[in-house]
Amino acid sequence: MAVDGKLLEILCCPVSKVALIRLENARLEKLNRAIDAGGVESIRGEKIPVRLKEALITQDGRVIYPVVDDIPLLLEEKGIGTTQLQNF
């Protein structure tokens, strides 16, 4: 089960307050390939250890937030800056 659409309508980045949208499958797969290669870190600098089944991204495309067990992890330190991902 994915993040509920009504919930998604009110969610925003905890830092910038930019609205969040679902990360589409093609970009999620690119992110997961980078995770598999060991090249993705959270804003805190921690390696992302496992592939993501779902994620949300700010509408401006700057930060990705993992969704774990249908719960968006909307903590600044859990965010993934997209500048580290080539051609994202």
C-alpha atoms as a PDB file:
ATOM      1  CA  MET A   1       0.000   0.000   0.000  1.00  0.00           C
ATOM      2  CA  ALA A   2       1.301   3.448  -0.923  1.00  0.00           C
ATOM      3  CA  VAL A   3       1.065   6.766   0.879  1.00  0.00           C
ATOM      4  CA  ASP A   4      -2.588   7.823   0.891  1.00  0.00           C
ATOM      5  CA  GLY A   5      -3.419  10.460  -1.724  1.00  0.00           C
ATOM      6  CA  LYS A   6      -5.284  12.679   0.755  1.00  0.00           C
ATOM      7  CA  LEU A   7      -2.299  12.600   3.102  1.00  0.00           C
ATOM      8  CA  LEU A   8       0.034  13.417   0.240  1.00  0.00           C
ATOM      9  CA  GLU A   9      -2.002  16.561  -0.506  1.00  0.00           C
ATOM     10  CA  ILE A  10      -0.984  18.087   2.843  1.00  0.00           C
ATOM     11  CA  LEU A  11       2.597  16.831   3.187  1.00  0.00           C
ATOM     12  CA  CYS A  12       5.533  19.152   2.647  1.00  0.00           C
ATOM     13  CA  CYS A  13       9.274  19.242   3.209  1.00  0.00           C
ATOM     14  CA  PRO A  14       9.922  19.932   6.909  1.00  0.00           C
ATOM     15  CA  VAL A  15      12.723  22.360   6.024  1.00  0.00           C
ATOM     16  CA  SER A  16      11.681  24.272   2.902  1.00  0.00           C
ATOM     17  CA  LYS A  17       7.909  23.699   3.193  1.00  0.00           C
ATOM     18  CA  VAL A  18       7.829  22.804  -0.525  1.00  0.00           C
ATOM     19  CA  ALA A  19       5.036  20.357  -1.398  1.00  0.00           C
ATOM     20  CA  LEU A  20       5.900  16.685  -1.859  1.00  0.00           C
ATOM     21  CA  ILE A  21       4.970  14.375  -4.713  1.00  0.00           C
ATOM     22  CA  ARG A  22       5.528  10.678  -5.311  1.00  0.00           C
ATOM     23  CA  LEU A  23       8.863   9.796  -6.850  1.00  0.00           C
ATOM     24  CA  GLU A  24       7.953   8.186 -10.162  1.00  0.00           C
ATOM     25  CA  ASN A  25       9.100   4.638 -10.863  1.00  0.00           C
ATOM     26  CA  ALA A  26      11.837   5.496 -13.389  1.00  0.00           C
ATOM     27  CA  ARG A  27      13.529   7.916 -10.991  1.00  0.00           C
ATOM     28  CA  LEU A  28      13.028   5.526  -8.063  1.00  0.00           C
ATOM     29  CA  GLU A  29      14.823   2.824 -10.027  1.00  0.00           C
ATOM     30  CA  LYS A  30      17.721   5.216 -10.799  1.00  0.00           C
ATOM     31  CA  LEU A  31      17.922   6.056  -7.097  1.00  0.00           C
ATOM     32  CA  ASN A  32      17.930   2.371  -6.168  1.00  0.00           C
ATOM     33  CA  ARG A  33      20.748   1.643  -8.629  1.00  0.00           C
ATOM     34  CA  ALA A  34      22.779   4.387  -6.952  1.00  0.00           C
ATOM     35  CA  ILE A  35      21.922   2.918  -3.530  1.00  0.00           C
ATOM     36  CA  ASP A  36      23.039  -0.527  -4.731  1.00  0.00           C
ATOM     37  CA  ALA A  37      26.336   1.001  -5.832  1.00  0.00           C
ATOM     38  CA  GLY A  38      26.820   2.487  -2.353  1.00  0.00           C
ATOM     39  CA  GLY A  39      26.729   6.040  -3.592  1.00  0.00           C
ATOM     40  CA  VAL A  40      23.771   7.580  -1.749  1.00  0.00           C
ATOM     41  CA  GLU A  41      23.866   9.351   1.605  1.00  0.00           C
ATOM     42  CA  SER A  42      21.252  11.073   3.704  1.00  0.00           C
ATOM     43  CA  ILE A  43      21.613  14.747   4.489  1.00  0.00           C
ATOM     44  CA  ARG A  44      23.175  13.637   7.780  1.00  0.00           C
ATOM     45  CA  GLY A  45      25.886  11.820   5.823  1.00  0.00           C
ATOM     46  CA  GLU A  46      24.720   8.274   6.551  1.00  0.00           C
ATOM     47  CA  LYS A  47      24.802   5.725   3.724  1.00  0.00           C
ATOM     48  CA  ILE A  48      21.370   4.596   2.559  1.00  0.00           C
ATOM     49  CA  PRO A  49      21.728   0.824   3.092  1.00  0.00           C
ATOM     50  CA  VAL A  50      18.703  -0.659   1.315  1.00  0.00           C
ATOM     51  CA  ARG A  51      16.648  -0.059  -1.801  1.00  0.00           C
ATOM     52  CA  LEU A  52      13.506   2.008  -1.385  1.00  0.00           C
ATOM     53  CA  LYS A  53      10.075   0.695  -2.354  1.00  0.00           C
ATOM     54  CA  GLU A  54       8.605   4.175  -2.306  1.00  0.00           C
ATOM     55  CA  ALA A  55       9.802   7.745  -1.848  1.00  0.00           C
ATOM     56  CA  LEU A  56       8.532  11.304  -1.968  1.00  0.00           C
ATOM     57  CA  ILE A  57      10.355  14.191  -3.607  1.00  0.00           C
ATOM     58  CA  THR A  58       9.937  17.914  -3.209  1.00  0.00           C
ATOM     59  CA  GLN A  59       8.237  19.550  -6.184  1.00  0.00           C
ATOM     60  CA  ASP A  60      11.422  21.484  -6.872  1.00  0.00           C
ATOM     61  CA  GLY A  61      13.322  18.164  -7.111  1.00  0.00           C
ATOM     62  CA  ARG A  62      15.908  18.958  -4.439  1.00  0.00           C
ATOM     63  CA  VAL A  63      15.179  16.481  -1.632  1.00  0.00           C
ATOM     64  CA  ILE A  64      13.870  12.913  -1.526  1.00  0.00           C
ATOM     65  CA  TYR A  65      12.255  11.439   1.581  1.00  0.00           C
ATOM     66  CA  PRO A  66      12.060   7.655   2.017  1.00  0.00           C
ATOM     67  CA  VAL A  67       8.751   5.950   2.732  1.00  0.00           C
ATOM     68  CA  VAL A  68       9.122   2.926   5.018  1.00  0.00           C
ATOM     69  CA  ASP A  69       6.167   0.656   5.781  1.00  0.00           C
ATOM     70  CA  ASP A  70       3.868   3.260   4.173  1.00  0.00           C
ATOM     71  CA  ILE A  71       5.146   5.975   6.539  1.00  0.00           C
ATOM     72  CA  PRO A  72       6.981   8.966   5.046  1.00  0.00           C
ATOM     73  CA  LEU A  73      10.151   9.690   7.024  1.00  0.00           C
ATOM     74  CA  LEU A  74       9.876  13.476   7.019  1.00  0.00           C
ATOM     75  CA  LEU A  75      12.849  14.301   9.192  1.00  0.00           C
ATOM     76  CA  GLU A  76      15.523  16.636   7.864  1.00  0.00           C
ATOM     77  CA  GLU A  77      18.292  14.132   8.581  1.00  0.00           C
ATOM     78  CA  LYS A  78      16.475  11.362   6.647  1.00  0.00           C
ATOM     79  CA  GLY A  79      16.265  13.456   3.474  1.00  0.00           C
ATOM     80  CA  ILE A  80      18.397  12.589   0.457  1.00  0.00           C
ATOM     81  CA  GLY A  81      19.784  15.549  -1.451  1.00  0.00           C
ATOM     82  CA  THR A  82      19.448  15.021  -5.186  1.00  0.00           C
ATOM     83  CA  THR A  83      22.617  16.949  -6.039  1.00  0.00           C
ATOM     84  CA  GLN A  84      24.607  13.773  -5.277  1.00  0.00           C
ATOM     85  CA  LEU A  85      22.736  11.866  -7.979  1.00  0.00           C
ATOM     86  CA  GLN A  86      23.986  12.349 -11.531  1.00  0.00           C
ATOM     87  CA  ASN A  87      21.366  12.921 -14.226  1.00  0.00           C
ATOM     88  CA  PHE A  88      18.543  12.716 -11.746  1.00  0.00           C
END
